[in-house]
């Protein structure tokens, strides 16, 4: 026969099992909610990654275009530098200058070279002289 004590013990175990099931159900809801949140976040991040990939592609194209332009300009400069000596060689020589003219020309050339060096230094440092 089943005693009252055995029924109470059974009832206690059933209540414990029901409480445990409720706790597991709550944990399950919580985990499903977090999963949904994480799935939404993953979707947002995937869109962001795709956007970055597109931007990266545009940046790479821009850089390649700029490099091609620089190469073209460099080739043009090389071509014009190669042609410059032939133009000077084709020009007739200047008439002889008096000694006073030579000194003035050398002084002007020296001043121009100094100015060019200063401008070159400024362009390398990125500073501008506004005065």
Protein backbone atom coordinates (compact mmCIF):
# COMPACT_ATOMS: atom_id res chain seq x y z
CA UNK A 1 0.00 0.00 0.00
CA UNK A 2 0.94 3.55 -0.62
CA UNK A 3 1.42 5.62 2.43
CA UNK A 4 0.66 9.32 2.91
CA UNK A 5 4.33 10.01 3.35
CA UNK A 6 5.12 8.49 -0.04
CA UNK A 7 2.42 10.66 -1.67
CA UNK A 8 3.82 13.80 -0.04
CA UNK A 9 7.33 12.88 -1.25
CA UNK A 10 5.98 12.29 -4.75
CA UNK A 11 4.08 15.60 -4.65
CA UNK A 12 7.28 17.40 -3.52
CA UNK A 13 9.26 15.87 -6.39
CA UNK A 14 6.54 16.80 -8.91
CA UNK A 15 6.52 20.43 -7.66
CA UNK A 16 10.31 20.51 -7.90
CA UNK A 17 10.14 19.15 -11.45
CA UNK A 18 7.44 21.71 -12.43
CA UNK A 19 9.50 24.56 -10.93
CA UNK A 20 12.56 23.31 -12.76
CA UNK A 21 10.58 23.10 -16.04
CA UNK A 22 9.33 26.70 -15.55
CA UNK A 23 12.90 27.84 -14.92
CA UNK A 24 14.06 26.07 -18.08
CA UNK A 25 11.19 27.61 -20.08
CA UNK A 26 12.18 31.11 -18.89
CA UNK A 27 15.82 30.44 -19.74
CA UNK A 28 14.72 29.14 -23.16
CA UNK A 29 12.73 32.38 -23.83
CA UNK A 30 15.69 34.45 -22.73
CA UNK A 31 18.07 32.53 -24.99
CA UNK A 32 15.68 32.82 -27.95
CA UNK A 33 15.45 36.57 -27.38
CA UNK A 34 19.24 36.91 -27.24
CA UNK A 35 19.56 34.74 -30.35
CA UNK A 36 17.13 36.98 -32.22
CA UNK A 37 19.08 40.05 -31.08
CA UNK A 38 22.37 38.50 -32.21
CA UNK A 39 20.92 37.45 -35.56
CA UNK A 40 19.73 41.02 -36.16
CA UNK A 41 23.15 42.36 -35.19
CA UNK A 42 24.86 39.86 -37.50
CA UNK A 43 22.61 41.00 -40.34
CA UNK A 44 23.50 44.65 -39.64
CA UNK A 45 27.21 43.82 -39.55
CA UNK A 46 26.99 41.86 -42.81
CA UNK A 47 25.41 44.91 -44.47
CA UNK A 48 28.14 47.10 -43.01
CA UNK A 49 30.83 44.74 -44.28
CA UNK A 50 29.28 44.76 -47.75
CA UNK A 51 29.25 48.56 -47.68
CA UNK A 52 32.92 48.60 -46.63
CA UNK A 53 33.77 46.20 -49.45
CA UNK A 54 32.09 48.48 -51.97
CA UNK A 55 33.85 51.52 -50.52
CA UNK A 56 37.15 49.63 -50.57
CA UNK A 57 36.61 48.78 -54.22
CA UNK A 58 35.92 52.44 -55.06
CA UNK A 59 38.99 53.53 -53.07
CA UNK A 60 41.18 51.03 -54.88
CA UNK A 61 39.84 52.20 -58.25
CA UNK A 62 40.53 55.82 -57.27
CA UNK A 63 44.07 55.01 -56.19
CA UNK A 64 44.74 53.05 -59.37
CA UNK A 65 43.40 55.92 -61.47
CA UNK A 66 45.58 58.40 -59.59
CA UNK A 67 48.64 56.17 -60.02
CA UNK A 68 47.94 55.80 -63.73
CA UNK A 69 47.64 59.58 -64.01
CA UNK A 70 50.92 60.04 -62.15
CA UNK A 71 52.61 57.51 -64.43
CA UNK A 72 51.25 59.32 -67.47
CA UNK A 73 52.52 62.66 -66.17
CA UNK A 74 55.88 61.14 -65.34
CA UNK A 75 56.12 59.70 -68.85
CA UNK A 76 55.23 63.10 -70.31
CA UNK A 77 57.90 64.76 -68.17
CA UNK A 78 60.47 62.17 -69.21
CA UNK A 79 59.50 62.65 -72.85
CA UNK A 80 59.69 66.44 -72.59
CA UNK A 81 63.02 66.21 -70.73
CA UNK A 82 64.41 64.00 -73.50
CA UNK A 83 63.25 66.49 -76.13
CA UNK A 84 64.49 69.61 -74.27
CA UNK A 85 68.23 69.12 -75.00
CA UNK A 86 67.54 68.70 -78.71
CA UNK A 87 65.63 72.01 -78.74
CA UNK A 88 68.50 73.81 -76.98
CA UNK A 89 71.04 72.24 -79.29
CA UNK A 90 69.06 73.44 -82.29
CA UNK A 91 69.05 77.02 -81.01
CA UNK A 92 71.85 79.27 -82.29
CA UNK A 93 74.42 80.29 -79.75
CA UNK A 94 74.02 83.70 -78.19
CA UNK A 95 76.35 86.50 -79.05
CA UNK A 96 79.25 87.16 -76.80
CA UNK A 97 78.40 89.15 -73.74
CA UNK A 98 80.47 91.76 -72.15
CA UNK A 99 82.01 90.82 -68.77
CA UNK A 100 79.48 93.00 -66.91
CA UNK A 101 76.56 91.21 -68.55
CA UNK A 102 77.91 87.80 -67.54
CA UNK A 103 78.09 88.77 -63.87
CA UNK A 104 74.53 90.11 -63.90
CA UNK A 105 73.25 86.95 -65.58
CA UNK A 106 75.11 84.73 -63.11
CA UNK A 107 73.71 86.74 -60.18
CA UNK A 108 70.17 86.48 -61.57
CA UNK A 109 70.61 82.73 -62.15
CA UNK A 110 71.97 82.30 -58.64
CA UNK A 111 68.99 84.19 -57.15
CA UNK A 112 66.55 82.12 -59.21
CA UNK A 113 68.22 78.89 -58.05
CA UNK A 114 67.99 80.00 -54.41
CA UNK A 115 64.30 80.85 -54.83
CA UNK A 116 63.64 77.48 -56.48
CA UNK A 117 65.44 75.66 -53.65
CA UNK A 118 63.36 77.54 -51.05
CA UNK A 119 60.14 76.71 -52.91
CA UNK A 120 61.24 73.08 -53.18
CA UNK A 121 61.92 72.92 -49.43
CA UNK A 122 58.54 74.51 -48.67
CA UNK A 123 56.73 72.04 -50.87
CA UNK A 124 58.48 69.13 -49.14
CA UNK A 125 57.59 70.40 -45.67
CA UNK A 126 54.09 71.36 -46.69
CA UNK A 127 54.50 74.90 -45.36
CA UNK A 128 53.34 77.93 -47.28
CA UNK A 129 54.95 81.34 -47.15
CA UNK A 130 52.15 83.87 -47.36
CA UNK A 131 54.27 86.99 -46.77
